[in-house]
Every structure is written in C-alpha cells, then in structure tokens.
Amino acid sequence: MRRALAAGSVLVVLAAAASGCGLGAGEKTASEGSVTVTRDFGAEPIGRKSVSGVSESDTVMRLLQRDFEVETRYGGNFVQEIDGLAGGREGGRRVDWFYYVNGIESGVGAGERKVRPGDRVWWDHHDWSASPDVRAVVGAFPEPFESGVDGKRLPVRVDCADDAAKVCDEVADRLSDEGIKSGRSAVAGFGGEGVLRIKVGPWAELRRDAAIRRIEEGPRVSGVYAKPAPDGRSIALLDPEGKTVRTLGPGGGMIAATRLAGEAPAWVITGTDVAGVAAAAAQLQEDTLADHFAIAVEDGRAVGLPIQTPVENP
C-alpha cells in the first residue's frame, strides 16, 4: 500500500484539514465488521475488535479510536502511533502504519475514509523500504469478493488455465461456500475495473497476462513479496527488505493479490506446476489467509509473505 495514501498523504491531509471536514452524528446502522491491528505484515497481533454498529459519519479513524490509543498528525488524518507503537525508524528501517479496507488500500487518509456495515479494517505497522505500495492483500478473505470495491459489489470471475480445470472447480466451490457466485473464463481473460479476477494455474501460463506478469518484478512494482521465475519453475520468497530468503521448487504454490491503477484487484492462485496450484487452492480459506499479505505454500503448509527473518541487534 502506498504510504502516502494509506496513512494519508501530506497533500491530501492538509487539504482535508483546510476544508474543515466535520464528524457530525449520523444515523446508526447494523454492522458486523471488525478492526484488526497487527505489526510486521500481520506476523504479530496487537488487537482485534468487532464493530457492532457504524453511523453515516463514521470513518476508519473513528473506528480505530474507539478501542485503541491513537496519536495522529496533520489534522487528525495521519496515524502516527497506535497503543504506543509509532511510525518512523526502527533498527534503521523505515516503518509506518498502513490500513486496508476489505483487503484493499484506500486512496484517502483514514480520517476521510467512510466505513460501511460489515467492513473489515486492518491496520498494520511494517517496514516499507522494499515497497511503499501494497495495493491489495489476501488477509481479509472472503473480502473483497463479498463486498466488492468501495462498497460496490463486482462480478467475480475465475480465470482458469487449461490444465487446472479441477483446481478451478475447487476454487469456485470454496467461493460458493462463502456465498459468492463466480463466472469462468480462460486464463487470458481481460481485466478492468468492473470485475474481480482470480487467476488460477501454473505461473508459466498466468504470466501471459501483462498485468499479472508484473509480479515477477518484485514488491516495489506489484506489492507482492515473491518473484516467480519467468519459466515458472521456481518462486523466490522475499523478506521485508525484498531479499530472497529461499526458493520454492516443484510442488510450490502461492496465493497473492495485486492491483494496477484503474483496475479492480486481481488474485493469483498459482504454483510452479499443477501440483503447486492445487496445494495453493487448498489454502483458500478464511482461517488460513487471515492477517497475511500473501502466502506461499511449501510442502503443503502455508507460509506468510514476506518471510520474517530475525533482526540482528546492532
């Protein structure tokens, strides 16, 4: 997620402050959403609170302030600190707070982003030196497929590789279990802002989509802390600094999300081969994906991405 957008860019924040945006009382509505606070890309939980109701004037910032101690800057639109954990530098690394609504970054500061009944809001404190721009994450599943983007439900489509038909059936069944209807298309199906795509198949086939192929360029471009090889036979797993920790070979899989400007988020359920794709699809469930930016699947086990490595004391 872009730091400037997630935390509230200085330009956006100052403009909002100058306009004197108010937070008046609004009509109460039912809600079954949540606010989750973590650090290090979801690796360490800080707190999770259910949201029993929201008003028309409630914002992401206001929900956070209900249950957490928050320090703000720039007119109250930028989160500097939550429960004593501040942005800035940590061990020489640049760290800050970022937020996601239903697994998607927001284009405005937290004090401006309105919330809707059922929204899943996730704040995470992490190192952004390798990527200040993680636009979509998988940790709010079954969102965004339930609610869509910015409260607008979108069609959900499974784009299926030729040799992954059975895996695509399983993906469609798992979506159906969550009450989500999906269509089916070939893996080269077009994208755009009006459809949520789930691309299913070995990486060598998925990369034919130019937007999806950008994952090979690393987190600074795609927001995904993994780099599949162009031949699809291996997937490098990266740490928060964007360095390769280890590499998946045969049978390795991955579930990740990315987003290009002007398009809805696109998910990939992929692997180095069909076995890896099937192993990844088996992890498409809320409990497994919760609080992960993306996952790798190694020896049938889900591993959160980026790979967390011990920090050496200076």
C-alpha atoms as a PDB file:
ATOM      1  CA  MET A   1       0.000   0.000   0.000  1.00  0.00           C
ATOM      2  CA  ARG A   2       1.297   3.424  -0.833  1.00  0.00           C
ATOM      3  CA  ARG A   3       2.384   5.051   2.422  1.00  0.00           C
ATOM      4  CA  ALA A   4       1.150   8.421   1.237  1.00  0.00           C
ATOM      5  CA  LEU A   5      -2.319   7.081   0.548  1.00  0.00           C
ATOM      6  CA  ALA A   6      -2.636   4.516   3.327  1.00  0.00           C
ATOM      7  CA  ALA A   7      -1.648   6.763   6.155  1.00  0.00           C
ATOM      8  CA  GLY A   8      -2.973   9.908   4.491  1.00  0.00           C
ATOM      9  CA  SER A   9      -0.644  11.851   2.223  1.00  0.00           C
ATOM     10  CA  VAL A  10       0.548  15.217   3.443  1.00  0.00           C
ATOM     11  CA  LEU A  11      -1.108  16.940   0.484  1.00  0.00           C
ATOM     12  CA  VAL A  12      -4.398  15.138   0.946  1.00  0.00           C
ATOM     13  CA  VAL A  13      -4.282  15.585   4.698  1.00  0.00           C
ATOM     14  CA  LEU A  14      -3.556  19.282   4.575  1.00  0.00           C
ATOM     15  CA  ALA A  15      -6.319  19.793   2.033  1.00  0.00           C
ATOM     16  CA  ALA A  16      -8.764  17.918   4.255  1.00  0.00           C
ATOM     17  CA  ALA A  17      -7.698  19.901   7.297  1.00  0.00           C
ATOM     18  CA  ALA A  18      -8.114  23.169   5.407  1.00  0.00           C
ATOM     19  CA  SER A  19     -11.616  22.226   4.332  1.00  0.00           C
ATOM     20  CA  GLY A  20     -12.639  21.664   7.937  1.00  0.00           C
ATOM     21  CA  CYS A  21     -14.175  18.234   7.398  1.00  0.00           C
ATOM     22  CA  GLY A  22     -16.546  17.639  10.286  1.00  0.00           C
ATOM     23  CA  LEU A  23     -17.621  14.470  12.040  1.00  0.00           C
ATOM     24  CA  GLY A  24     -21.207  15.040  12.995  1.00  0.00           C
ATOM     25  CA  ALA A  25     -23.599  12.459  14.398  1.00  0.00           C
ATOM     26  CA  GLY A  26     -25.206  10.122  11.901  1.00  0.00           C
ATOM     27  CA  GLU A  27     -27.962   7.560  11.799  1.00  0.00           C
ATOM     28  CA  LYS A  28     -26.944   4.227  13.314  1.00  0.00           C
ATOM     29  CA  THR A  29     -26.944   1.109  11.158  1.00  0.00           C
ATOM     30  CA  ALA A  30     -26.215  -2.520  11.878  1.00  0.00           C
ATOM     31  CA  SER A  31     -22.674  -3.746  11.275  1.00  0.00           C
ATOM     32  CA  GLU A  32     -20.702  -6.924  11.745  1.00  0.00           C
ATOM     33  CA  GLY A  33     -17.326  -5.580  10.716  1.00  0.00           C
ATOM     34  CA  SER A  34     -14.012  -5.566  12.541  1.00  0.00           C
ATOM     35  CA  VAL A  35     -10.897  -3.551  13.235  1.00  0.00           C
ATOM     36  CA  THR A  36      -7.655  -5.536  13.349  1.00  0.00           C
ATOM     37  CA  VAL A  37      -4.267  -4.138  14.388  1.00  0.00           C
ATOM     38  CA  THR A  38      -1.032  -6.034  13.735  1.00  0.00           C
ATOM     39  CA  ARG A  39       2.631  -5.427  13.078  1.00  0.00           C
ATOM     40  CA  ASP A  40       5.251  -6.858  10.705  1.00  0.00           C
ATOM     41  CA  PHE A  41       2.879  -7.725   7.866  1.00  0.00           C
ATOM     42  CA  GLY A  42       0.427  -9.429  10.192  1.00  0.00           C
ATOM     43  CA  ALA A  43       3.032 -11.604  11.891  1.00  0.00           C
ATOM     44  CA  GLU A  44       2.330 -10.191  15.356  1.00  0.00           C
ATOM     45  CA  PRO A  45      -1.239  -9.452  16.502  1.00  0.00           C
ATOM     46  CA  ILE A  46      -1.866  -6.351  18.586  1.00  0.00           C
ATOM     47  CA  GLY A  47      -5.645  -6.323  18.837  1.00  0.00           C
ATOM     48  CA  ARG A  48      -8.885  -7.219  17.112  1.00  0.00           C
ATOM     49  CA  LYS A  49     -12.253  -5.664  17.867  1.00  0.00           C
ATOM     50  CA  SER A  50     -15.692  -6.400  16.474  1.00  0.00           C
ATOM     51  CA  VAL A  51     -17.669  -3.457  15.169  1.00  0.00           C
ATOM     52  CA  SER A  52     -21.263  -3.721  16.316  1.00  0.00           C
ATOM     53  CA  GLY A  53     -22.517  -0.648  14.502  1.00  0.00           C
ATOM     54  CA  VAL A  54     -21.481   2.327  12.455  1.00  0.00           C
ATOM     55  CA  SER A  55     -23.014   5.722  11.729  1.00  0.00           C
ATOM     56  CA  GLU A  56     -23.112   7.609   8.479  1.00  0.00           C
ATOM     57  CA  SER A  57     -20.322   9.856   9.746  1.00  0.00           C
ATOM     58  CA  ASP A  58     -18.008   7.096  10.969  1.00  0.00           C
ATOM     59  CA  THR A  59     -14.575   6.857   9.397  1.00  0.00           C
ATOM     60  CA  VAL A  60     -11.714   4.387   9.547  1.00  0.00           C
ATOM     61  CA  MET A  61     -10.004   6.721  12.002  1.00  0.00           C
ATOM     62  CA  ARG A  62     -13.014   6.978  14.266  1.00  0.00           C
ATOM     63  CA  LEU A  63     -13.423   3.179  14.440  1.00  0.00           C
ATOM     64  CA  LEU A  64      -9.761   2.803  15.339  1.00  0.00           C
ATOM     65  CA  GLN A  65     -10.074   5.366  18.110  1.00  0.00           C
ATOM     66  CA  ARG A  66     -12.985   3.512  19.693  1.00  0.00           C
ATOM     67  CA  ASP A  67     -10.773   0.774  21.125  1.00  0.00           C
ATOM     68  CA  PHE A  68      -7.135   1.803  20.677  1.00  0.00           C
ATOM     69  CA  GLU A  69      -4.946   4.640  21.928  1.00  0.00           C
ATOM     70  CA  VAL A  70      -4.116   6.656  18.840  1.00  0.00           C
ATOM     71  CA  GLU A  71      -1.765   9.573  18.208  1.00  0.00           C
ATOM     72  CA  THR A  72      -2.339  11.467  14.974  1.00  0.00           C
ATOM     73  CA  ARG A  73      -0.695  14.160  12.880  1.00  0.00           C
ATOM     74  CA  TYR A  74      -1.670  16.575  10.118  1.00  0.00           C
ATOM     75  CA  GLY A  75      -5.111  17.488  11.332  1.00  0.00           C
ATOM     76  CA  GLY A  76      -6.004  14.031  12.626  1.00  0.00           C
ATOM     77  CA  ASN A  77      -5.862  12.251   9.265  1.00  0.00           C
ATOM     78  CA  PHE A  78      -2.499  10.527   9.640  1.00  0.00           C
ATOM     79  CA  VAL A  79      -1.861   7.824  12.249  1.00  0.00           C
ATOM     80  CA  GLN A  80       1.488   8.262  13.917  1.00  0.00           C
ATOM     81  CA  GLU A  81       1.069   5.854  16.825  1.00  0.00           C
ATOM     82  CA  ILE A  82      -1.266   3.072  17.972  1.00  0.00           C
ATOM     83  CA  ASP A  83      -1.046   1.751  21.533  1.00  0.00           C
ATOM     84  CA  GLY A  84       2.438   3.218  21.912  1.00  0.00           C
ATOM     85  CA  LEU A  85       3.860   1.798  18.652  1.00  0.00           C
ATOM     86  CA  ALA A  86       4.947   4.685  16.439  1.00  0.00           C
ATOM     87  CA  GLY A  87       5.998   5.188  12.863  1.00  0.00           C
ATOM     88  CA  GLY A  88       9.441   6.470  11.967  1.00  0.00           C
ATOM     89  CA  ARG A  89      12.591   4.363  12.063  1.00  0.00           C
ATOM     90  CA  GLU A  90      13.118   1.025  13.711  1.00  0.00           C
ATOM     91  CA  GLY A  91      16.533  -0.585  13.593  1.00  0.00           C
ATOM     92  CA  GLY A  92      17.463   1.762  10.768  1.00  0.00           C
ATOM     93  CA  ARG A  93      14.398   0.702   8.747  1.00  0.00           C
ATOM     94  CA  ARG A  94      11.537   2.950   7.681  1.00  0.00           C
ATOM     95  CA  VAL A  95       8.319   1.826   9.361  1.00  0.00           C
ATOM     96  CA  ASP A  96       4.818   3.244   9.462  1.00  0.00           C
ATOM     97  CA  TRP A  97       1.156   2.419   9.908  1.00  0.00           C
ATOM     98  CA  PHE A  98      -0.860   1.393   6.844  1.00  0.00           C
ATOM     99  CA  TYR A  99      -4.516   0.482   6.545  1.00  0.00           C
ATOM    100  CA  TYR A 100      -6.638  -1.710   4.319  1.00  0.00           C
ATOM    101  CA  VAL A 101     -10.414  -1.950   3.986  1.00  0.00           C
ATOM    102  CA  ASN A 102     -11.633  -5.375   2.902  1.00  0.00           C
ATOM    103  CA  GLY A 103      -8.130  -6.178   1.731  1.00  0.00           C
ATOM    104  CA  ILE A 104      -7.724  -3.098  -0.475  1.00  0.00           C
ATOM    105  CA  GLU A 105      -5.715   0.041   0.068  1.00  0.00           C
ATOM    106  CA  SER A 106      -7.625   3.297   0.266  1.00  0.00           C
ATOM    107  CA  GLY A 107      -6.949   6.366  -1.822  1.00  0.00           C
ATOM    108  CA  VAL A 108      -7.644   8.786   1.042  1.00  0.00           C
ATOM    109  CA  GLY A 109      -6.496   9.366   4.595  1.00  0.00           C
ATOM    110  CA  ALA A 110      -8.068   7.455   7.475  1.00  0.00           C
ATOM    111  CA  GLY A 111      -9.977  10.487   8.711  1.00  0.00           C
ATOM    112  CA  GLU A 112     -11.774  10.768   5.372  1.00  0.00           C
ATOM    113  CA  ARG A 113     -12.427   7.130   4.529  1.00  0.00           C
ATOM    114  CA  LYS A 114     -16.046   6.353   5.379  1.00  0.00           C
ATOM    115  CA  VAL A 115     -16.902   2.886   6.625  1.00  0.00           C
ATOM    116  CA  ARG A 116     -19.855   0.727   5.696  1.00  0.00           C
ATOM    117  CA  PRO A 117     -21.647  -2.039   7.589  1.00  0.00           C
ATOM    118  CA  GLY A 118     -19.519  -5.172   7.590  1.00  0.00           C
ATOM    119  CA  ASP A 119     -16.240  -3.517   6.557  1.00  0.00           C
ATOM    120  CA  ARG A 120     -13.080  -5.287   7.681  1.00  0.00           C
ATOM    121  CA  VAL A 121     -10.489  -2.663   8.560  1.00  0.00           C
ATOM    122  CA  TRP A 122      -6.905  -3.796   9.048  1.00  0.00           C
ATOM    123  CA  TRP A 123      -4.062  -1.628  10.349  1.00  0.00           C
ATOM    124  CA  ASP A 124      -0.516  -2.954  10.071  1.00  0.00           C
ATOM    125  CA  HIS A 125       2.798  -1.438  11.196  1.00  0.00           C
ATOM    126  CA  HIS A 126       5.626  -2.541   8.920  1.00  0.00           C
ATOM    127  CA  ASP A 127       8.845  -1.837   7.079  1.00  0.00           C
ATOM    128  CA  TRP A 128       8.086  -0.157   3.760  1.00  0.00           C
ATOM    129  CA  SER A 129      11.608   0.152   2.366  1.00  0.00           C
ATOM    130  CA  ALA A 130      11.025  -2.544  -0.277  1.00  0.00           C
ATOM    131  CA  SER A 131       7.505  -1.452  -1.182  1.00  0.00           C
ATOM    132  CA  PRO A 132       5.563   1.629  -0.094  1.00  0.00           C
ATOM    133  CA  ASP A 133       2.744   0.484  -2.348  1.00  0.00           C
ATOM    134  CA  VAL A 134       0.951  -2.755  -1.414  1.00  0.00           C
ATOM    135  CA  ARG A 135      -2.386  -2.153  -3.099  1.00  0.00           C
ATOM    136  CA  ALA A 136      -4.158  -5.401  -2.247  1.00  0.00           C
ATOM    137  CA  VAL A 137      -3.734  -8.211   0.290  1.00  0.00           C
ATOM    138  CA  VAL A 138      -5.379 -11.608   0.832  1.00  0.00           C
ATOM    139  CA  GLY A 139      -5.813 -11.421   4.604  1.00  0.00           C
ATOM    140  CA  ALA A 140      -9.443 -10.261   4.605  1.00  0.00           C
ATOM    141  CA  PHE A 141     -10.839 -13.235   2.646  1.00  0.00           C
ATOM    142  CA  PRO A 142     -13.675 -13.709   1.712  1.00  0.00           C
ATOM    143  CA  GLU A 143     -13.345  -9.994   1.048  1.00  0.00           C
ATOM    144  CA  PRO A 144     -13.213  -8.236  -1.352  1.00  0.00           C
ATOM    145  CA  PHE A 145     -15.362 -10.808  -3.166  1.00  0.00           C
ATOM    146  CA  GLU A 146     -18.317 -10.319  -0.806  1.00  0.00           C
ATOM    147  CA  SER A 147     -18.458  -6.531  -0.735  1.00  0.00           C
ATOM    148  CA  GLY A 148     -16.537  -5.505  -3.855  1.00  0.00           C
ATOM    149  CA  VAL A 149     -14.606  -2.237  -4.070  1.00  0.00           C
ATOM    150  CA  ASP A 150     -15.620   0.868  -2.098  1.00  0.00           C
ATOM    151  CA  GLY A 151     -18.978  -0.674  -1.272  1.00  0.00           C
ATOM    152  CA  LYS A 152     -19.808  -1.589  -4.872  1.00  0.00           C
ATOM    153  CA  ARG A 153     -20.211  -5.309  -5.461  1.00  0.00           C
ATOM    154  CA  LEU A 154     -18.478  -6.528  -8.592  1.00  0.00           C
ATOM    155  CA  PRO A 155     -18.736  -9.708 -10.651  1.00  0.00           C
ATOM    156  CA  VAL A 156     -16.231 -12.374  -9.586  1.00  0.00           C
ATOM    157  CA  ARG A 157     -14.531 -14.402 -12.303  1.00  0.00           C
ATOM    158  CA  VAL A 158     -12.215 -17.392 -12.107  1.00  0.00           C
ATOM    159  CA  ASP A 159      -9.741 -17.280 -14.993  1.00  0.00           C
ATOM    160  CA  CYS A 160      -8.637 -20.860 -15.476  1.00  0.00           C
ATOM    161  CA  ALA A 161      -5.547 -22.343 -17.112  1.00  0.00           C
ATOM    162  CA  ASP A 162      -6.177 -25.241 -19.483  1.00  0.00           C
ATOM    163  CA  ASP A 163      -4.572 -27.867 -17.253  1.00  0.00           C
ATOM    164  CA  ALA A 164      -6.068 -26.595 -13.986  1.00  0.00           C
ATOM    165  CA  ALA A 165      -9.786 -27.261 -14.578  1.00  0.00           C
ATOM    166  CA  LYS A 166     -10.194 -29.431 -11.459  1.00  0.00           C
ATOM    167  CA  VAL A 167      -8.424 -26.852  -9.306  1.00  0.00           C
ATOM    168  CA  CYS A 168     -10.664 -24.123 -10.706  1.00  0.00           C
ATOM    169  CA  ASP A 169     -13.686 -26.219  -9.737  1.00  0.00           C
ATOM    170  CA  GLU A 170     -12.353 -26.340  -6.173  1.00  0.00           C
ATOM    171  CA  VAL A 171     -11.798 -22.571  -6.133  1.00  0.00           C
ATOM    172  CA  ALA A 172     -15.357 -21.985  -7.368  1.00  0.00           C
ATOM    173  CA  ASP A 173     -16.674 -24.378  -4.709  1.00  0.00           C
ATOM    174  CA  ARG A 174     -14.782 -22.562  -1.952  1.00  0.00           C
ATOM    175  CA  LEU A 175     -16.193 -19.247  -3.130  1.00  0.00           C
ATOM    176  CA  SER A 176     -19.667 -20.771  -3.219  1.00  0.00           C
ATOM    177  CA  ASP A 177     -19.215 -21.955   0.375  1.00  0.00           C
ATOM    178  CA  GLU A 178     -18.825 -18.272   1.268  1.00  0.00           C
ATOM    179  CA  GLY A 179     -21.973 -17.359  -0.643  1.00  0.00           C
ATOM    180  CA  ILE A 180     -20.024 -15.900  -3.572  1.00  0.00           C
ATOM    181  CA  LYS A 181     -21.090 -16.656  -7.134  1.00  0.00           C
ATOM    182  CA  SER A 182     -18.380 -16.701  -9.763  1.00  0.00           C
ATOM    183  CA  GLY A 183     -18.102 -16.958 -13.517  1.00  0.00           C
ATOM    184  CA  ARG A 184     -15.448 -18.777 -15.504  1.00  0.00           C
ATOM    185  CA  SER A 185     -13.137 -17.633 -18.265  1.00  0.00           C
ATOM    186  CA  ALA A 186      -9.887 -18.624 -19.927  1.00  0.00           C
ATOM    187  CA  VAL A 187      -6.700 -17.650 -18.157  1.00  0.00           C
ATOM    188  CA  ALA A 188      -6.087 -14.872 -20.688  1.00  0.00           C
ATOM    189  CA  GLY A 189      -9.398 -13.203 -19.854  1.00  0.00           C
ATOM    190  CA  PHE A 190      -9.324  -9.404 -19.863  1.00  0.00           C
ATOM    191  CA  GLY A 191      -9.244  -7.349 -16.667  1.00  0.00           C
ATOM    192  CA  GLY A 192     -10.571  -3.896 -15.848  1.00  0.00           C
ATOM    193  CA  GLU A 193     -12.207  -2.013 -13.044  1.00  0.00           C
ATOM    194  CA  GLY A 194     -15.546  -3.802 -13.313  1.00  0.00           C
ATOM    195  CA  VAL A 195     -14.595  -7.376 -12.395  1.00  0.00           C
ATOM    196  CA  LEU A 196     -12.684  -9.122  -9.597  1.00  0.00           C
ATOM    197  CA  ARG A 197     -10.465 -11.779 -11.147  1.00  0.00           C
ATOM    198  CA  ILE A 198      -8.928 -14.878  -9.600  1.00  0.00           C
ATOM    199  CA  LYS A 199      -6.267 -16.253 -11.924  1.00  0.00           C
ATOM    200  CA  VAL A 200      -5.721 -19.993 -11.406  1.00  0.00           C
ATOM    201  CA  GLY A 201      -2.934 -22.002 -12.986  1.00  0.00           C
ATOM    202  CA  PRO A 202       0.811 -22.611 -13.151  1.00  0.00           C
ATOM    203  CA  TRP A 203       2.822 -19.412 -13.273  1.00  0.00           C
ATOM    204  CA  ALA A 204       4.136 -20.162 -16.765  1.00  0.00           C
ATOM    205  CA  GLU A 205       0.552 -19.734 -18.027  1.00  0.00           C
ATOM    206  CA  LEU A 206      -0.610 -16.906 -15.759  1.00  0.00           C
ATOM    207  CA  ARG A 207       2.274 -14.668 -16.798  1.00  0.00           C
ATOM    208  CA  ARG A 208       0.746 -14.321 -20.256  1.00  0.00           C
ATOM    209  CA  ASP A 209      -1.391 -11.625 -18.645  1.00  0.00           C
ATOM    210  CA  ALA A 210       0.771  -8.496 -18.766  1.00  0.00           C
ATOM    211  CA  ALA A 211      -0.687  -7.109 -15.527  1.00  0.00           C
ATOM    212  CA  ILE A 212      -0.110 -10.332 -13.606  1.00  0.00           C
ATOM    213  CA  ARG A 213       3.388 -10.732 -15.086  1.00  0.00           C
ATOM    214  CA  ARG A 214       4.481  -7.624 -13.170  1.00  0.00           C
ATOM    215  CA  ILE A 215       4.680  -9.761 -10.029  1.00  0.00           C
ATOM    216  CA  GLU A 216       7.983 -11.013 -11.458  1.00  0.00           C
ATOM    217  CA  GLU A 217       9.385  -7.510 -10.927  1.00  0.00           C
ATOM    218  CA  GLY A 218       9.132  -7.705  -7.153  1.00  0.00           C
ATOM    219  CA  PRO A 219       7.267  -5.893  -4.382  1.00  0.00           C
ATOM    220  CA  ARG A 220       8.127  -2.348  -5.435  1.00  0.00           C
ATOM    221  CA  VAL A 221       6.096  -2.886  -8.604  1.00  0.00           C
ATOM    222  CA  SER A 222       3.425  -5.395  -7.565  1.00  0.00           C
ATOM    223  CA  GLY A 223       3.315  -5.212  -3.770  1.00  0.00           C
ATOM    224  CA  VAL A 224       3.885  -8.988  -3.625  1.00  0.00           C
ATOM    225  CA  TYR A 225       6.891 -10.250  -1.663  1.00  0.00           C
ATOM    226  CA  ALA A 226       7.684 -13.062  -4.071  1.00  0.00           C
ATOM    227  CA  LYS A 227       9.256 -13.264  -7.521  1.00  0.00           C
ATOM    228  CA  PRO A 228       8.276 -16.146  -9.784  1.00  0.00           C
ATOM    229  CA  ALA A 229      10.869 -17.064 -12.392  1.00  0.00           C
ATOM    230  CA  PRO A 230       9.814 -16.320 -15.978  1.00  0.00           C
ATOM    231  CA  ASP A 231       9.896 -20.037 -16.814  1.00  0.00           C
ATOM    232  CA  GLY A 232       7.561 -20.666 -13.872  1.00  0.00           C
ATOM    233  CA  ARG A 233       9.696 -23.428 -12.385  1.00  0.00           C
ATOM    234  CA  SER A 234      10.596 -21.579  -9.183  1.00  0.00           C
ATOM    235  CA  ILE A 235       9.269 -18.824  -6.933  1.00  0.00           C
ATOM    236  CA  ALA A 236      11.668 -16.741  -4.826  1.00  0.00           C
ATOM    237  CA  LEU A 237      10.259 -15.886  -1.394  1.00  0.00           C
ATOM    238  CA  LEU A 238      11.335 -12.475  -0.113  1.00  0.00           C
ATOM    239  CA  ASP A 239      11.842 -10.840   3.266  1.00  0.00           C
ATOM    240  CA  PRO A 240      10.561  -7.344   4.189  1.00  0.00           C
ATOM    241  CA  GLU A 241      13.632  -5.793   2.557  1.00  0.00           C
ATOM    242  CA  GLY A 242      12.887  -7.554  -0.714  1.00  0.00           C
ATOM    243  CA  LYS A 243      15.765 -10.028  -0.399  1.00  0.00           C
ATOM    244  CA  THR A 244      15.377 -13.674  -1.346  1.00  0.00           C
ATOM    245  CA  VAL A 245      15.199 -15.930   1.706  1.00  0.00           C
ATOM    246  CA  ARG A 246      14.531 -19.218  -0.073  1.00  0.00           C
ATOM    247  CA  THR A 247      13.065 -20.540  -3.307  1.00  0.00           C
ATOM    248  CA  LEU A 248      10.135 -22.829  -3.994  1.00  0.00           C
ATOM    249  CA  GLY A 249      10.632 -25.623  -6.491  1.00  0.00           C
ATOM    250  CA  PRO A 250       8.316 -28.396  -7.722  1.00  0.00           C
ATOM    251  CA  GLY A 251       5.030 -28.547  -5.821  1.00  0.00           C
ATOM    252  CA  GLY A 252       5.374 -24.991  -4.507  1.00  0.00           C
ATOM    253  CA  GLY A 253       2.395 -22.645  -4.593  1.00  0.00           C
ATOM    254  CA  MET A 254       1.270 -19.115  -3.789  1.00  0.00           C
ATOM    255  CA  ILE A 255      -1.848 -17.039  -3.183  1.00  0.00           C
ATOM    256  CA  ALA A 256      -1.370 -13.305  -3.653  1.00  0.00           C
ATOM    257  CA  ALA A 257      -3.227 -10.171  -4.738  1.00  0.00           C
ATOM    258  CA  THR A 258      -2.147  -7.187  -6.775  1.00  0.00           C
ATOM    259  CA  ARG A 259      -3.773  -4.182  -8.401  1.00  0.00           C
ATOM    260  CA  LEU A 260      -2.971  -1.900 -11.289  1.00  0.00           C
ATOM    261  CA  ALA A 261      -4.169   1.691 -11.366  1.00  0.00           C
ATOM    262  CA  GLY A 262      -7.651   1.858 -12.804  1.00  0.00           C
ATOM    263  CA  GLU A 263      -8.376  -1.840 -12.298  1.00  0.00           C
ATOM    264  CA  ALA A 264     -10.021  -3.885  -9.593  1.00  0.00           C
ATOM    265  CA  PRO A 265      -7.722  -6.130  -7.545  1.00  0.00           C
ATOM    266  CA  ALA A 266      -6.667  -9.401  -9.144  1.00  0.00           C
ATOM    267  CA  TRP A 267      -5.775 -12.511  -7.158  1.00  0.00           C
ATOM    268  CA  VAL A 268      -3.462 -15.293  -8.269  1.00  0.00           C
ATOM    269  CA  ILE A 269      -3.628 -18.901  -7.124  1.00  0.00           C
ATOM    270  CA  THR A 270      -0.548 -20.286  -8.747  1.00  0.00           C
ATOM    271  CA  GLY A 271       2.429 -22.581  -8.434  1.00  0.00           C
ATOM    272  CA  THR A 272       5.473 -23.960 -10.126  1.00  0.00           C
ATOM    273  CA  ASP A 273       3.339 -26.783 -11.550  1.00  0.00           C
ATOM    274  CA  VAL A 274      -0.217 -28.111 -11.347  1.00  0.00           C
ATOM    275  CA  ALA A 275       0.542 -29.826  -8.031  1.00  0.00           C
ATOM    276  CA  GLY A 276       1.630 -26.480  -6.609  1.00  0.00           C
ATOM    277  CA  VAL A 277      -1.523 -24.790  -7.880  1.00  0.00           C
ATOM    278  CA  ALA A 278      -3.650 -27.481  -6.206  1.00  0.00           C
ATOM    279  CA  ALA A 279      -1.701 -27.080  -2.951  1.00  0.00           C
ATOM    280  CA  ALA A 280      -2.334 -23.337  -3.048  1.00  0.00           C
ATOM    281  CA  ALA A 281      -6.051 -23.715  -3.787  1.00  0.00           C
ATOM    282  CA  ALA A 282      -6.383 -25.987  -0.762  1.00  0.00           C
ATOM    283  CA  GLN A 283      -5.395 -22.995   1.393  1.00  0.00           C
ATOM    284  CA  LEU A 284      -8.173 -20.728   0.059  1.00  0.00           C
ATOM    285  CA  GLN A 285      -9.989 -20.386   3.368  1.00  0.00           C
ATOM    286  CA  GLU A 286     -10.531 -17.593   5.841  1.00  0.00           C
ATOM    287  CA  ASP A 287      -8.633 -19.084   8.779  1.00  0.00           C
ATOM    288  CA  THR A 288      -5.527 -19.757   6.692  1.00  0.00           C
ATOM    289  CA  LEU A 289      -5.386 -16.413   4.897  1.00  0.00           C
ATOM    290  CA  ALA A 290      -6.343 -14.217   7.862  1.00  0.00           C
ATOM    291  CA  ASP A 291      -3.848 -11.419   8.545  1.00  0.00           C
ATOM    292  CA  HIS A 292      -1.500 -12.405   5.726  1.00  0.00           C
ATOM    293  CA  PHE A 293      -0.480 -10.076   2.931  1.00  0.00           C
ATOM    294  CA  ALA A 294       0.091 -13.148   0.760  1.00  0.00           C
ATOM    295  CA  ILE A 295       1.033 -16.762   1.368  1.00  0.00           C
ATOM    296  CA  ALA A 296       3.437 -19.259  -0.122  1.00  0.00           C
ATOM    297  CA  VAL A 297       2.621 -22.950   0.100  1.00  0.00           C
ATOM    298  CA  GLU A 298       5.624 -25.103   0.894  1.00  0.00           C
ATOM    299  CA  ASP A 299       5.321 -28.859   1.487  1.00  0.00           C
ATOM    300  CA  GLY A 300       1.569 -28.374   1.817  1.00  0.00           C
ATOM    301  CA  ARG A 301       1.974 -25.738   4.530  1.00  0.00           C
ATOM    302  CA  ALA A 302       1.029 -22.059   4.289  1.00  0.00           C
ATOM    303  CA  VAL A 303       3.828 -19.567   4.966  1.00  0.00           C
ATOM    304  CA  GLY A 304       3.103 -15.861   5.326  1.00  0.00           C
ATOM    305  CA  LEU A 305       4.782 -13.414   2.951  1.00  0.00           C
ATOM    306  CA  PRO A 306       7.057 -11.594   3.292  1.00  0.00           C
ATOM    307  CA  ILE A 307       9.192 -14.147   5.122  1.00  0.00           C
ATOM    308  CA  GLN A 308      10.021 -12.791   8.553  1.00  0.00           C
ATOM    309  CA  THR A 309      13.695 -13.143   9.484  1.00  0.00           C
ATOM    310  CA  PRO A 310      15.304 -12.467  12.875  1.00  0.00           C
ATOM    311  CA  VAL A 311      16.538  -8.904  13.284  1.00  0.00           C
ATOM    312  CA  GLU A 312      20.153  -8.773  14.349  1.00  0.00           C
ATOM    313  CA  ASN A 313      20.999  -6.498  17.255  1.00  0.00           C
ATOM    314  CA  PRO A 314      23.337  -3.691  16.244  1.00  0.00           C
END
